[in-house]
Amino acid sequence: MKTLEEENGHIKKQIEELAGKLNFETDSSAKLGQQVQSLSQVIDSMKQERVKLSGQVEGLNQKVADLTSENGKLSSALESKERKNKKLQSDLNSLTSNRDSLEATYLRVKRSKENLERAKAVEGAMRVERSVEDRENGRYQISDLHLLNQKIAVLEVQEPAYTGHDYVVSFRVESPDTVEFTAEEREFYETLGEKFKVETDWVPGSGQLEPVLKAGEKIQQVSPREEAEWTWAFKGVLSEPEKVTLSLRLVDVDEQALEAISQEYQLAPSGWLARLGGAFSLGSLLLGLGLGVVCCLVIGSVRGRTRPRRDTTTRGREFAAQKKL
């Protein structure tokens, strides 16, 4: 009996030590079986926690593996970028060291092609809205230049009518809020440069007409809120009206000329007789001349019918009296 009690005491002592290690409190008054059962529950709970922690460790190991793989991809991309940079540096060295080499020629052609394609895209994005104003010194045609949906400049042209006179052309650059631009509009707008490089020219329909620039440089640089002005005249002797076309071009940062505005006008010969002829067509002049001739004939006929006739009997008597005398 004493041996059994000693054995139970020894077991309780071991349980208490194990509970202390596991941070678990036991009821000293509880029976030995209950204490063993409680200890078993704690051990089972710890086993479940261990399984859970093992799963978390596996997840962390998987994340580490994914990060290692991603790091490998980034390292590969970095190596690819470095190879491209080395190639670009090699191209640049070829371009600067030997301008006559095949590589340099290829790069120049490639860049020229890219510049031309960009200039074509910007030119296609420009559109014009026109209006007409009558002023004291003549009629003006107003052209609002838009880049996609943004108004960027205004062209005012004093409409040419006759040779031998001066006509003014002005171009004003707007100052749009680029914050409101789309990415495409901003890219196209930056292609035109901080200052617009503007060129105007007149193209006559024949060799009888010669445009003469009397004031202003043919190519001018215009900043936002500023204006460029040209004064043109036309030399030549015209026998009939002739068409002339105003061409306005914008030169971009790559020195590509973009056809922005093209307007056609009709120029008449100078002199009052020519102006009269220009005001009326040949058919209307012939018709008026014919009507004038008919009117003269009708008036002459009416006057002939209404002229009084002298009596022949009275005329005979007067002749006989004069004969007697």
C-alpha atoms as a PDB file:
ATOM      1  CA  MET A   1       0.000   0.000   0.000  1.00  0.00           C
ATOM      2  CA  LYS A   2       2.798   2.346   0.891  1.00  0.00           C
ATOM      3  CA  THR A   3       4.597   1.534  -2.325  1.00  0.00           C
ATOM      4  CA  LEU A   4       1.484   2.428  -4.386  1.00  0.00           C
ATOM      5  CA  GLU A   5       1.145   5.795  -2.646  1.00  0.00           C
ATOM      6  CA  GLU A   6       4.810   6.515  -3.273  1.00  0.00           C
ATOM      7  CA  GLU A   7       4.330   5.648  -6.935  1.00  0.00           C
ATOM      8  CA  ASN A   8       1.326   7.972  -7.196  1.00  0.00           C
ATOM      9  CA  GLY A   9       3.253  10.761  -5.537  1.00  0.00           C
ATOM     10  CA  HIS A  10       6.113  10.265  -7.951  1.00  0.00           C
ATOM     11  CA  ILE A  11       3.739  10.430 -10.922  1.00  0.00           C
ATOM     12  CA  LYS A  12       2.074  13.602  -9.570  1.00  0.00           C
ATOM     13  CA  LYS A  13       5.468  15.191  -9.162  1.00  0.00           C
ATOM     14  CA  GLN A  14       6.349  14.386 -12.781  1.00  0.00           C
ATOM     15  CA  ILE A  15       2.990  15.800 -13.949  1.00  0.00           C
ATOM     16  CA  GLU A  16       3.595  18.992 -11.994  1.00  0.00           C
ATOM     17  CA  GLU A  17       7.077  19.352 -13.508  1.00  0.00           C
ATOM     18  CA  LEU A  18       5.730  18.741 -17.014  1.00  0.00           C
ATOM     19  CA  ALA A  19       2.887  21.193 -16.438  1.00  0.00           C
ATOM     20  CA  GLY A  20       5.405  23.773 -15.277  1.00  0.00           C
ATOM     21  CA  LYS A  21       7.439  23.305 -18.469  1.00  0.00           C
ATOM     22  CA  LEU A  22       4.304  23.583 -20.565  1.00  0.00           C
ATOM     23  CA  ASN A  23       3.114  26.630 -18.616  1.00  0.00           C
ATOM     24  CA  PHE A  24       0.033  24.689 -17.535  1.00  0.00           C
ATOM     25  CA  GLU A  25      -1.567  24.782 -14.099  1.00  0.00           C
ATOM     26  CA  THR A  26      -2.957  21.566 -12.562  1.00  0.00           C
ATOM     27  CA  ASP A  27      -5.455  21.140  -9.755  1.00  0.00           C
ATOM     28  CA  SER A  28      -3.556  19.464  -6.973  1.00  0.00           C
ATOM     29  CA  SER A  29      -6.817  18.295  -5.424  1.00  0.00           C
ATOM     30  CA  ALA A  30      -7.940  16.584  -8.659  1.00  0.00           C
ATOM     31  CA  LYS A  31      -7.487  12.905  -9.100  1.00  0.00           C
ATOM     32  CA  LEU A  32      -4.474  11.595 -10.950  1.00  0.00           C
ATOM     33  CA  GLY A  33      -6.589  10.436 -13.952  1.00  0.00           C
ATOM     34  CA  GLN A  34      -8.101  13.879 -14.400  1.00  0.00           C
ATOM     35  CA  GLN A  35      -4.693  15.498 -14.295  1.00  0.00           C
ATOM     36  CA  VAL A  36      -3.379  13.064 -16.929  1.00  0.00           C
ATOM     37  CA  GLN A  37      -6.417  13.774 -19.125  1.00  0.00           C
ATOM     38  CA  SER A  38      -5.914  17.569 -18.877  1.00  0.00           C
ATOM     39  CA  LEU A  39      -2.262  17.150 -19.695  1.00  0.00           C
ATOM     40  CA  SER A  40      -3.167  15.052 -22.746  1.00  0.00           C
ATOM     41  CA  GLN A  41      -5.516  17.784 -23.984  1.00  0.00           C
ATOM     42  CA  VAL A  42      -2.757  20.378 -23.660  1.00  0.00           C
ATOM     43  CA  ILE A  43      -0.358  18.155 -25.552  1.00  0.00           C
ATOM     44  CA  ASP A  44      -2.944  17.616 -28.339  1.00  0.00           C
ATOM     45  CA  SER A  45      -3.510  21.374 -28.570  1.00  0.00           C
ATOM     46  CA  MET A  46       0.215  21.920 -28.838  1.00  0.00           C
ATOM     47  CA  LYS A  47       0.415  19.317 -31.598  1.00  0.00           C
ATOM     48  CA  GLN A  48      -2.282  21.182 -33.565  1.00  0.00           C
ATOM     49  CA  GLU A  49      -0.430  24.471 -33.058  1.00  0.00           C
ATOM     50  CA  ARG A  50       2.715  22.799 -34.306  1.00  0.00           C
ATOM     51  CA  VAL A  51       0.921  21.587 -37.452  1.00  0.00           C
ATOM     52  CA  LYS A  52      -0.412  25.117 -38.006  1.00  0.00           C
ATOM     53  CA  LEU A  53       3.032  26.635 -37.539  1.00  0.00           C
ATOM     54  CA  SER A  54       4.470  24.044 -39.903  1.00  0.00           C
ATOM     55  CA  GLY A  55       1.948  25.178 -42.540  1.00  0.00           C
ATOM     56  CA  GLN A  56       2.927  28.812 -42.013  1.00  0.00           C
ATOM     57  CA  VAL A  57       6.592  27.879 -42.353  1.00  0.00           C
ATOM     58  CA  GLU A  58       5.837  26.113 -45.635  1.00  0.00           C
ATOM     59  CA  GLY A  59       3.967  29.242 -46.852  1.00  0.00           C
ATOM     60  CA  LEU A  60       6.926  31.422 -45.910  1.00  0.00           C
ATOM     61  CA  ASN A  61       9.261  29.031 -47.692  1.00  0.00           C
ATOM     62  CA  GLN A  62       7.060  29.282 -50.813  1.00  0.00           C
ATOM     63  CA  LYS A  63       7.148  33.100 -50.622  1.00  0.00           C
ATOM     64  CA  VAL A  64      10.907  32.988 -50.330  1.00  0.00           C
ATOM     65  CA  ALA A  65      11.032  30.739 -53.392  1.00  0.00           C
ATOM     66  CA  ASP A  66       8.727  33.109 -55.332  1.00  0.00           C
ATOM     67  CA  LEU A  67      10.831  36.112 -54.360  1.00  0.00           C
ATOM     68  CA  THR A  68      13.952  34.249 -55.413  1.00  0.00           C
ATOM     69  CA  SER A  69      12.361  33.499 -58.790  1.00  0.00           C
ATOM     70  CA  GLU A  70      11.213  37.122 -59.214  1.00  0.00           C
ATOM     71  CA  ASN A  71      14.684  38.289 -58.297  1.00  0.00           C
ATOM     72  CA  GLY A  72      16.066  36.035 -60.986  1.00  0.00           C
ATOM     73  CA  LYS A  73      13.672  37.528 -63.553  1.00  0.00           C
ATOM     74  CA  LEU A  74      14.603  41.066 -62.523  1.00  0.00           C
ATOM     75  CA  SER A  75      18.272  40.198 -62.757  1.00  0.00           C
ATOM     76  CA  SER A  76      17.690  38.821 -66.244  1.00  0.00           C
ATOM     77  CA  ALA A  77      15.762  41.975 -67.272  1.00  0.00           C
ATOM     78  CA  LEU A  78      18.535  44.131 -65.852  1.00  0.00           C
ATOM     79  CA  GLU A  79      21.116  42.220 -67.853  1.00  0.00           C
ATOM     80  CA  SER A  80      18.965  42.685 -70.981  1.00  0.00           C
ATOM     81  CA  LYS A  81      18.733  46.451 -70.349  1.00  0.00           C
ATOM     82  CA  GLU A  82      22.475  46.619 -69.834  1.00  0.00           C
ATOM     83  CA  ARG A  83      23.031  44.804 -73.146  1.00  0.00           C
ATOM     84  CA  LYS A  84      20.683  47.286 -74.921  1.00  0.00           C
ATOM     85  CA  ASN A  85      22.468  50.218 -73.319  1.00  0.00           C
ATOM     86  CA  LYS A  86      25.795  48.825 -74.457  1.00  0.00           C
ATOM     87  CA  LYS A  87      24.391  48.479 -77.989  1.00  0.00           C
ATOM     88  CA  LEU A  88      23.090  52.062 -77.936  1.00  0.00           C
ATOM     89  CA  GLN A  89      26.444  53.243 -76.663  1.00  0.00           C
ATOM     90  CA  SER A  90      28.117  51.308 -79.447  1.00  0.00           C
ATOM     91  CA  ASP A  91      25.765  52.923 -82.005  1.00  0.00           C
ATOM     92  CA  LEU A  92      26.527  56.323 -80.547  1.00  0.00           C
ATOM     93  CA  ASN A  93      30.243  55.680 -80.719  1.00  0.00           C
ATOM     94  CA  SER A  94      29.903  54.586 -84.332  1.00  0.00           C
ATOM     95  CA  LEU A  95      27.908  57.714 -85.130  1.00  0.00           C
ATOM     96  CA  THR A  96      30.393  60.074 -83.503  1.00  0.00           C
ATOM     97  CA  SER A  97      33.594  58.333 -84.573  1.00  0.00           C
ATOM     98  CA  ASN A  98      32.809  57.642 -88.229  1.00  0.00           C
ATOM     99  CA  ARG A  99      29.968  59.547 -89.835  1.00  0.00           C
ATOM    100  CA  ASP A 100      30.525  57.800 -93.142  1.00  0.00           C
ATOM    101  CA  SER A 101      30.189  54.296 -91.724  1.00  0.00           C
ATOM    102  CA  LEU A 102      27.273  52.047 -92.575  1.00  0.00           C
ATOM    103  CA  GLU A 103      26.073  52.062 -88.963  1.00  0.00           C
ATOM    104  CA  ALA A 104      26.017  55.840 -88.830  1.00  0.00           C
ATOM    105  CA  THR A 105      24.123  56.010 -92.107  1.00  0.00           C
ATOM    106  CA  TYR A 106      21.577  53.517 -90.826  1.00  0.00           C
ATOM    107  CA  LEU A 107      21.027  55.486 -87.614  1.00  0.00           C
ATOM    108  CA  ARG A 108      20.593  58.745 -89.514  1.00  0.00           C
ATOM    109  CA  VAL A 109      18.051  57.172 -91.859  1.00  0.00           C
ATOM    110  CA  LYS A 110      16.205  55.592 -88.942  1.00  0.00           C
ATOM    111  CA  ARG A 111      15.993  58.851 -87.018  1.00  0.00           C
ATOM    112  CA  SER A 112      14.932  60.764 -90.123  1.00  0.00           C
ATOM    113  CA  LYS A 113      12.154  58.238 -90.671  1.00  0.00           C
ATOM    114  CA  GLU A 114      10.964  58.592 -87.063  1.00  0.00           C
ATOM    115  CA  ASN A 115      11.032  62.394 -87.324  1.00  0.00           C
ATOM    116  CA  LEU A 116       9.082  62.286 -90.586  1.00  0.00           C
ATOM    117  CA  GLU A 117       6.443  59.961 -89.139  1.00  0.00           C
ATOM    118  CA  ARG A 118       6.026  62.174 -86.065  1.00  0.00           C
ATOM    119  CA  ALA A 119       5.753  65.300 -88.250  1.00  0.00           C
ATOM    120  CA  LYS A 120       3.118  63.604 -90.403  1.00  0.00           C
ATOM    121  CA  ALA A 121       1.113  62.694 -87.296  1.00  0.00           C
ATOM    122  CA  VAL A 122       1.244  66.281 -85.985  1.00  0.00           C
ATOM    123  CA  GLU A 123       0.276  67.672 -89.400  1.00  0.00           C
ATOM    124  CA  GLY A 124      -2.696  65.322 -89.517  1.00  0.00           C
ATOM    125  CA  ALA A 125      -3.776  66.462 -86.035  1.00  0.00           C
ATOM    126  CA  MET A 126      -4.086  70.127 -87.119  1.00  0.00           C
ATOM    127  CA  ARG A 127      -7.383  71.563 -88.358  1.00  0.00           C
ATOM    128  CA  VAL A 128      -8.658  75.042 -89.269  1.00  0.00           C
ATOM    129  CA  GLU A 129     -11.898  76.910 -88.483  1.00  0.00           C
ATOM    130  CA  ARG A 130     -12.484  79.903 -90.798  1.00  0.00           C
ATOM    131  CA  SER A 131     -14.527  83.099 -90.549  1.00  0.00           C
ATOM    132  CA  VAL A 132     -14.679  86.464 -92.394  1.00  0.00           C
ATOM    133  CA  GLU A 133     -14.619  90.031 -90.996  1.00  0.00           C
ATOM    134  CA  ASP A 134     -15.221  93.294 -92.885  1.00  0.00           C
ATOM    135  CA  ARG A 135     -13.000  96.109 -91.578  1.00  0.00           C
ATOM    136  CA  GLU A 136     -12.245  99.688 -92.617  1.00  0.00           C
ATOM    137  CA  ASN A 137      -9.202  98.682 -94.675  1.00  0.00           C
ATOM    138  CA  GLY A 138     -10.788  95.673 -96.353  1.00  0.00           C
ATOM    139  CA  ARG A 139     -12.066  92.170 -95.783  1.00  0.00           C
ATOM    140  CA  TYR A 140     -10.116  89.791 -93.557  1.00  0.00           C
ATOM    141  CA  GLN A 141     -10.248  86.013 -93.458  1.00  0.00           C
ATOM    142  CA  ILE A 142      -9.705  84.651 -89.920  1.00  0.00           C
ATOM    143  CA  SER A 143      -8.366  81.092 -89.491  1.00  0.00           C
ATOM    144  CA  ASP A 144      -8.286  79.504 -86.023  1.00  0.00           C
ATOM    145  CA  LEU A 145      -5.634  76.777 -85.947  1.00  0.00           C
ATOM    146  CA  HIS A 146      -6.413  73.790 -83.686  1.00  0.00           C
ATOM    147  CA  LEU A 147      -4.206  70.900 -82.598  1.00  0.00           C
ATOM    148  CA  LEU A 148      -6.715  68.094 -82.072  1.00  0.00           C
ATOM    149  CA  ASN A 149      -9.129  69.838 -79.633  1.00  0.00           C
ATOM    150  CA  GLN A 150      -6.861  72.692 -78.529  1.00  0.00           C
ATOM    151  CA  LYS A 151      -6.730  76.153 -80.175  1.00  0.00           C
ATOM    152  CA  ILE A 152      -3.058  77.083 -80.573  1.00  0.00           C
ATOM    153  CA  ALA A 153      -2.909  80.026 -83.026  1.00  0.00           C
ATOM    154  CA  VAL A 154      -4.871  82.506 -85.197  1.00  0.00           C
ATOM    155  CA  LEU A 155      -4.068  83.594 -88.776  1.00  0.00           C
ATOM    156  CA  GLU A 156      -5.529  86.862 -90.135  1.00  0.00           C
ATOM    157  CA  VAL A 157      -5.240  87.612 -93.865  1.00  0.00           C
ATOM    158  CA  GLN A 158      -6.267  90.828 -95.577  1.00  0.00           C
ATOM    159  CA  GLU A 159      -7.855  89.350 -98.691  1.00  0.00           C
ATOM    160  CA  PRO A 160      -5.875  90.372-101.806  1.00  0.00           C
ATOM    161  CA  ALA A 161      -8.029  91.765-104.617  1.00  0.00           C
ATOM    162  CA  TYR A 162      -5.793  93.554-107.139  1.00  0.00           C
ATOM    163  CA  THR A 163      -2.159  93.793-108.166  1.00  0.00           C
ATOM    164  CA  GLY A 164      -0.125  96.789-107.100  1.00  0.00           C
ATOM    165  CA  HIS A 165      -1.529  96.971-103.560  1.00  0.00           C
ATOM    166  CA  ASP A 166      -0.122  95.951-100.138  1.00  0.00           C
ATOM    167  CA  TYR A 167      -1.814  93.258 -98.082  1.00  0.00           C
ATOM    168  CA  VAL A 168      -1.099  92.293 -94.463  1.00  0.00           C
ATOM    169  CA  VAL A 169      -0.837  88.758 -93.067  1.00  0.00           C
ATOM    170  CA  SER A 170      -0.546  88.255 -89.280  1.00  0.00           C
ATOM    171  CA  PHE A 171      -0.106  85.128 -87.147  1.00  0.00           C
ATOM    172  CA  ARG A 172      -0.765  85.132 -83.377  1.00  0.00           C
ATOM    173  CA  VAL A 173       0.249  82.275 -81.063  1.00  0.00           C
ATOM    174  CA  GLU A 174      -2.185  81.459 -78.256  1.00  0.00           C
ATOM    175  CA  SER A 175      -1.147  80.486 -74.720  1.00  0.00           C
ATOM    176  CA  PRO A 176      -3.237  77.396 -73.968  1.00  0.00           C
ATOM    177  CA  ASP A 177      -3.332  75.682 -70.577  1.00  0.00           C
ATOM    178  CA  THR A 178      -1.276  72.560 -71.252  1.00  0.00           C
ATOM    179  CA  VAL A 179      -2.514  71.029 -67.992  1.00  0.00           C
ATOM    180  CA  GLU A 180      -5.849  70.452 -69.748  1.00  0.00           C
ATOM    181  CA  PHE A 181      -4.108  68.681 -72.672  1.00  0.00           C
ATOM    182  CA  THR A 182      -4.301  64.959 -73.219  1.00  0.00           C
ATOM    183  CA  ALA A 183      -1.034  63.023 -73.369  1.00  0.00           C
ATOM    184  CA  GLU A 184      -1.213  62.969 -77.181  1.00  0.00           C
ATOM    185  CA  GLU A 185      -1.998  66.696 -77.435  1.00  0.00           C
ATOM    186  CA  ARG A 186       0.890  67.522 -75.084  1.00  0.00           C
ATOM    187  CA  GLU A 187       3.305  65.352 -77.080  1.00  0.00           C
ATOM    188  CA  PHE A 188       2.281  66.976 -80.389  1.00  0.00           C
ATOM    189  CA  TYR A 189       2.407  70.483 -78.868  1.00  0.00           C
ATOM    190  CA  GLU A 190       5.939  69.925 -77.531  1.00  0.00           C
ATOM    191  CA  THR A 191       7.002  68.854 -81.040  1.00  0.00           C
ATOM    192  CA  LEU A 192       6.304  72.417 -82.223  1.00  0.00           C
ATOM    193  CA  GLY A 193       8.812  73.835 -79.725  1.00  0.00           C
ATOM    194  CA  GLU A 194       8.621  76.583 -77.099  1.00  0.00           C
ATOM    195  CA  LYS A 195       8.537  79.173 -79.905  1.00  0.00           C
ATOM    196  CA  PHE A 196       6.600  78.539 -83.105  1.00  0.00           C
ATOM    197  CA  LYS A 197       8.790  78.776 -86.196  1.00  0.00           C
ATOM    198  CA  VAL A 198       6.433  80.139 -88.873  1.00  0.00           C
ATOM    199  CA  GLU A 199       6.948  80.494 -92.633  1.00  0.00           C
ATOM    200  CA  THR A 200       4.526  82.092 -95.122  1.00  0.00           C
ATOM    201  CA  ASP A 201       4.577  82.082 -98.903  1.00  0.00           C
ATOM    202  CA  TRP A 202       2.284  82.855-101.836  1.00  0.00           C
ATOM    203  CA  VAL A 203       1.958  80.432-104.761  1.00  0.00           C
ATOM    204  CA  PRO A 204       0.596  82.081-107.953  1.00  0.00           C
ATOM    205  CA  GLY A 205      -1.353  80.152-110.547  1.00  0.00           C
ATOM    206  CA  SER A 206       0.933  81.246-113.435  1.00  0.00           C
ATOM    207  CA  GLY A 207       4.186  83.021-114.172  1.00  0.00           C
ATOM    208  CA  GLN A 208       2.439  86.341-114.828  1.00  0.00           C
ATOM    209  CA  LEU A 209       2.204  87.076-111.113  1.00  0.00           C
ATOM    210  CA  GLU A 210       5.095  87.650-108.696  1.00  0.00           C
ATOM    211  CA  PRO A 211       4.541  87.875-104.900  1.00  0.00           C
ATOM    212  CA  VAL A 212       6.817  90.438-103.231  1.00  0.00           C
ATOM    213  CA  LEU A 213       7.522  90.456 -99.468  1.00  0.00           C
ATOM    214  CA  LYS A 214       7.712  94.168 -98.545  1.00  0.00           C
ATOM    215  CA  ALA A 215       7.910  93.931 -94.724  1.00  0.00           C
ATOM    216  CA  GLY A 216       8.733  91.175 -92.223  1.00  0.00           C
ATOM    217  CA  GLU A 217      11.054  88.170 -92.356  1.00  0.00           C
ATOM    218  CA  LYS A 218       9.792  85.230 -94.375  1.00  0.00           C
ATOM    219  CA  ILE A 219      10.517  82.849 -91.460  1.00  0.00           C
ATOM    220  CA  GLN A 220       9.780  84.166 -87.957  1.00  0.00           C
ATOM    221  CA  GLN A 221       9.819  82.705 -84.441  1.00  0.00           C
ATOM    222  CA  VAL A 222       6.752  83.561 -82.379  1.00  0.00           C
ATOM    223  CA  SER A 223       6.343  83.025 -78.622  1.00  0.00           C
ATOM    224  CA  PRO A 224       2.968  82.490 -76.915  1.00  0.00           C
ATOM    225  CA  ARG A 225       0.872  85.705 -76.719  1.00  0.00           C
ATOM    226  CA  GLU A 226       3.028  87.273 -79.446  1.00  0.00           C
ATOM    227  CA  GLU A 227       2.303  88.021 -83.108  1.00  0.00           C
ATOM    228  CA  ALA A 228       4.226  87.909 -86.380  1.00  0.00           C
ATOM    229  CA  GLU A 229       3.309  90.103 -89.347  1.00  0.00           C
ATOM    230  CA  TRP A 230       4.102  90.144 -93.079  1.00  0.00           C
ATOM    231  CA  THR A 231       3.245  92.726 -95.750  1.00  0.00           C
ATOM    232  CA  TRP A 232       2.895  91.319 -99.271  1.00  0.00           C
ATOM    233  CA  ALA A 233       2.290  92.874-102.679  1.00  0.00           C
ATOM    234  CA  PHE A 234       1.835  91.377-106.147  1.00  0.00           C
ATOM    235  CA  LYS A 235       3.664  92.474-109.274  1.00  0.00           C
ATOM    236  CA  GLY A 236       2.628  91.645-112.802  1.00  0.00           C
ATOM    237  CA  VAL A 237       0.242  92.548-115.597  1.00  0.00           C
ATOM    238  CA  LEU A 238      -2.889  90.442-115.637  1.00  0.00           C
ATOM    239  CA  SER A 239      -5.372  90.303-118.485  1.00  0.00           C
ATOM    240  CA  GLU A 240      -7.859  88.290-116.444  1.00  0.00           C
ATOM    241  CA  PRO A 241      -8.362  87.253-112.797  1.00  0.00           C
ATOM    242  CA  GLU A 242      -5.864  84.740-111.453  1.00  0.00           C
ATOM    243  CA  LYS A 243      -5.841  82.466-108.398  1.00  0.00           C
ATOM    244  CA  VAL A 244      -3.141  82.720-105.713  1.00  0.00           C
ATOM    245  CA  THR A 245      -2.662  80.418-102.710  1.00  0.00           C
ATOM    246  CA  LEU A 246      -1.289  81.419 -99.306  1.00  0.00           C
ATOM    247  CA  SER A 247       0.730  78.661 -97.635  1.00  0.00           C
ATOM    248  CA  LEU A 248       1.628  78.799 -93.928  1.00  0.00           C
ATOM    249  CA  ARG A 249       4.015  76.205 -92.517  1.00  0.00           C
ATOM    250  CA  LEU A 250       5.210  75.432 -88.983  1.00  0.00           C
ATOM    251  CA  VAL A 251       8.763  74.092 -88.591  1.00  0.00           C
ATOM    252  CA  ASP A 252       9.038  71.609 -85.701  1.00  0.00           C
ATOM    253  CA  VAL A 253      11.994  70.928 -83.388  1.00  0.00           C
ATOM    254  CA  ASP A 254      13.385  68.395 -85.889  1.00  0.00           C
ATOM    255  CA  GLU A 255      13.295  71.015 -88.701  1.00  0.00           C
ATOM    256  CA  GLN A 256      10.369  69.280 -90.408  1.00  0.00           C
ATOM    257  CA  ALA A 257       8.049  71.699 -92.250  1.00  0.00           C
ATOM    258  CA  LEU A 258       4.375  71.055 -91.433  1.00  0.00           C
ATOM    259  CA  GLU A 259       1.686  72.386 -93.775  1.00  0.00           C
ATOM    260  CA  ALA A 260      -0.641  74.086 -91.274  1.00  0.00           C
ATOM    261  CA  ILE A 261      -2.904  76.402 -93.343  1.00  0.00           C
ATOM    262  CA  SER A 262      -3.534  76.761 -97.077  1.00  0.00           C
ATOM    263  CA  GLN A 263      -5.961  79.394 -98.437  1.00  0.00           C
ATOM    264  CA  GLU A 264      -6.885  80.285-102.020  1.00  0.00           C
ATOM    265  CA  TYR A 265      -7.788  83.765-103.295  1.00  0.00           C
ATOM    266  CA  GLN A 266      -8.576  85.368-106.669  1.00  0.00           C
ATOM    267  CA  LEU A 267      -6.544  88.378-107.792  1.00  0.00           C
ATOM    268  CA  ALA A 268      -7.886  90.790-110.429  1.00  0.00           C
ATOM    269  CA  PRO A 269      -5.910  93.139-112.731  1.00  0.00           C
ATOM    270  CA  SER A 270      -5.414  96.717-111.473  1.00  0.00           C
ATOM    271  CA  GLY A 271      -7.103  99.769-113.169  1.00  0.00           C
ATOM    272  CA  TRP A 272     -10.740 100.899-113.260  1.00  0.00           C
ATOM    273  CA  LEU A 273     -11.485  99.257-116.618  1.00  0.00           C
ATOM    274  CA  ALA A 274     -10.050  95.971-115.459  1.00  0.00           C
ATOM    275  CA  ARG A 275     -11.937  96.252-112.150  1.00  0.00           C
ATOM    276  CA  LEU A 276     -15.125  96.817-114.123  1.00  0.00           C
ATOM    277  CA  GLY A 277     -14.361  93.777-116.193  1.00  0.00           C
ATOM    278  CA  GLY A 278     -13.603  91.813-113.069  1.00  0.00           C
ATOM    279  CA  ALA A 279     -16.880  92.883-111.504  1.00  0.00           C
ATOM    280  CA  PHE A 280     -18.893  91.632-114.503  1.00  0.00           C
ATOM    281  CA  SER A 281     -18.482  88.509-116.531  1.00  0.00           C
ATOM    282  CA  LEU A 282     -17.905  88.526-120.318  1.00  0.00           C
ATOM    283  CA  GLY A 283     -21.396  87.165-120.916  1.00  0.00           C
ATOM    284  CA  SER A 284     -23.039  89.892-118.861  1.00  0.00           C
ATOM    285  CA  LEU A 285     -21.016  92.589-120.703  1.00  0.00           C
ATOM    286  CA  LEU A 286     -22.051  91.244-124.119  1.00  0.00           C
ATOM    287  CA  LEU A 287     -25.644  91.007-122.992  1.00  0.00           C
ATOM    288  CA  GLY A 288     -25.566  94.608-121.740  1.00  0.00           C
ATOM    289  CA  LEU A 289     -24.010  95.794-125.015  1.00  0.00           C
ATOM    290  CA  GLY A 290     -26.688  94.022-127.029  1.00  0.00           C
ATOM    291  CA  LEU A 291     -29.469  95.503-124.930  1.00  0.00           C
ATOM    292  CA  GLY A 292     -27.946  98.961-125.411  1.00  0.00           C
ATOM    293  CA  VAL A 293     -27.922  98.591-129.201  1.00  0.00           C
ATOM    294  CA  VAL A 294     -31.531  97.389-129.204  1.00  0.00           C
ATOM    295  CA  CYS A 295     -32.581 100.329-127.034  1.00  0.00           C
ATOM    296  CA  CYS A 296     -30.897 102.801-129.414  1.00  0.00           C
ATOM    297  CA  LEU A 297     -32.671 101.280-132.417  1.00  0.00           C
ATOM    298  CA  VAL A 298     -36.031 101.352-130.675  1.00  0.00           C
ATOM    299  CA  ILE A 299     -35.602 104.995-129.613  1.00  0.00           C
ATOM    300  CA  GLY A 300     -34.574 106.005-133.145  1.00  0.00           C
ATOM    301  CA  SER A 301     -37.553 104.251-134.651  1.00  0.00           C
ATOM    302  CA  VAL A 302     -39.975 105.934-132.275  1.00  0.00           C
ATOM    303  CA  ARG A 303     -38.530 109.385-132.980  1.00  0.00           C
ATOM    304  CA  GLY A 304     -38.820 108.813-136.725  1.00  0.00           C
ATOM    305  CA  ARG A 305     -42.494 107.941-136.462  1.00  0.00           C
ATOM    306  CA  THR A 306     -43.408 110.931-134.323  1.00  0.00           C
ATOM    307  CA  ARG A 307     -41.649 113.600-136.541  1.00  0.00           C
ATOM    308  CA  PRO A 308     -44.351 116.020-138.168  1.00  0.00           C
ATOM    309  CA  ARG A 309     -44.768 115.914-141.986  1.00  0.00           C
ATOM    310  CA  ARG A 310     -45.044 119.092-144.108  1.00  0.00           C
ATOM    311  CA  ASP A 311     -48.122 119.423-146.439  1.00  0.00           C
ATOM    312  CA  THR A 312     -47.110 118.919-150.122  1.00  0.00           C
ATOM    313  CA  THR A 313     -49.916 121.215-151.391  1.00  0.00           C
ATOM    314  CA  THR A 314     -48.726 124.114-149.277  1.00  0.00           C
ATOM    315  CA  ARG A 315     -45.165 123.461-150.417  1.00  0.00           C
ATOM    316  CA  GLY A 316     -46.326 123.641-154.118  1.00  0.00           C
ATOM    317  CA  ARG A 317     -48.124 126.932-153.612  1.00  0.00           C
ATOM    318  CA  GLU A 318     -45.082 128.483-152.006  1.00  0.00           C
ATOM    319  CA  PHE A 319     -42.924 127.380-154.935  1.00  0.00           C
ATOM    320  CA  ALA A 320     -45.377 128.935-157.531  1.00  0.00           C
ATOM    321  CA  ALA A 321     -45.447 132.220-155.670  1.00  0.00           C
ATOM    322  CA  GLN A 322     -41.681 132.394-155.611  1.00  0.00           C
ATOM    323  CA  LYS A 323     -41.618 131.672-159.417  1.00  0.00           C
ATOM    324  CA  LYS A 324     -43.983 134.566-160.246  1.00  0.00           C
ATOM    325  CA  LEU A 325     -41.870 136.976-158.290  1.00  0.00           C
END
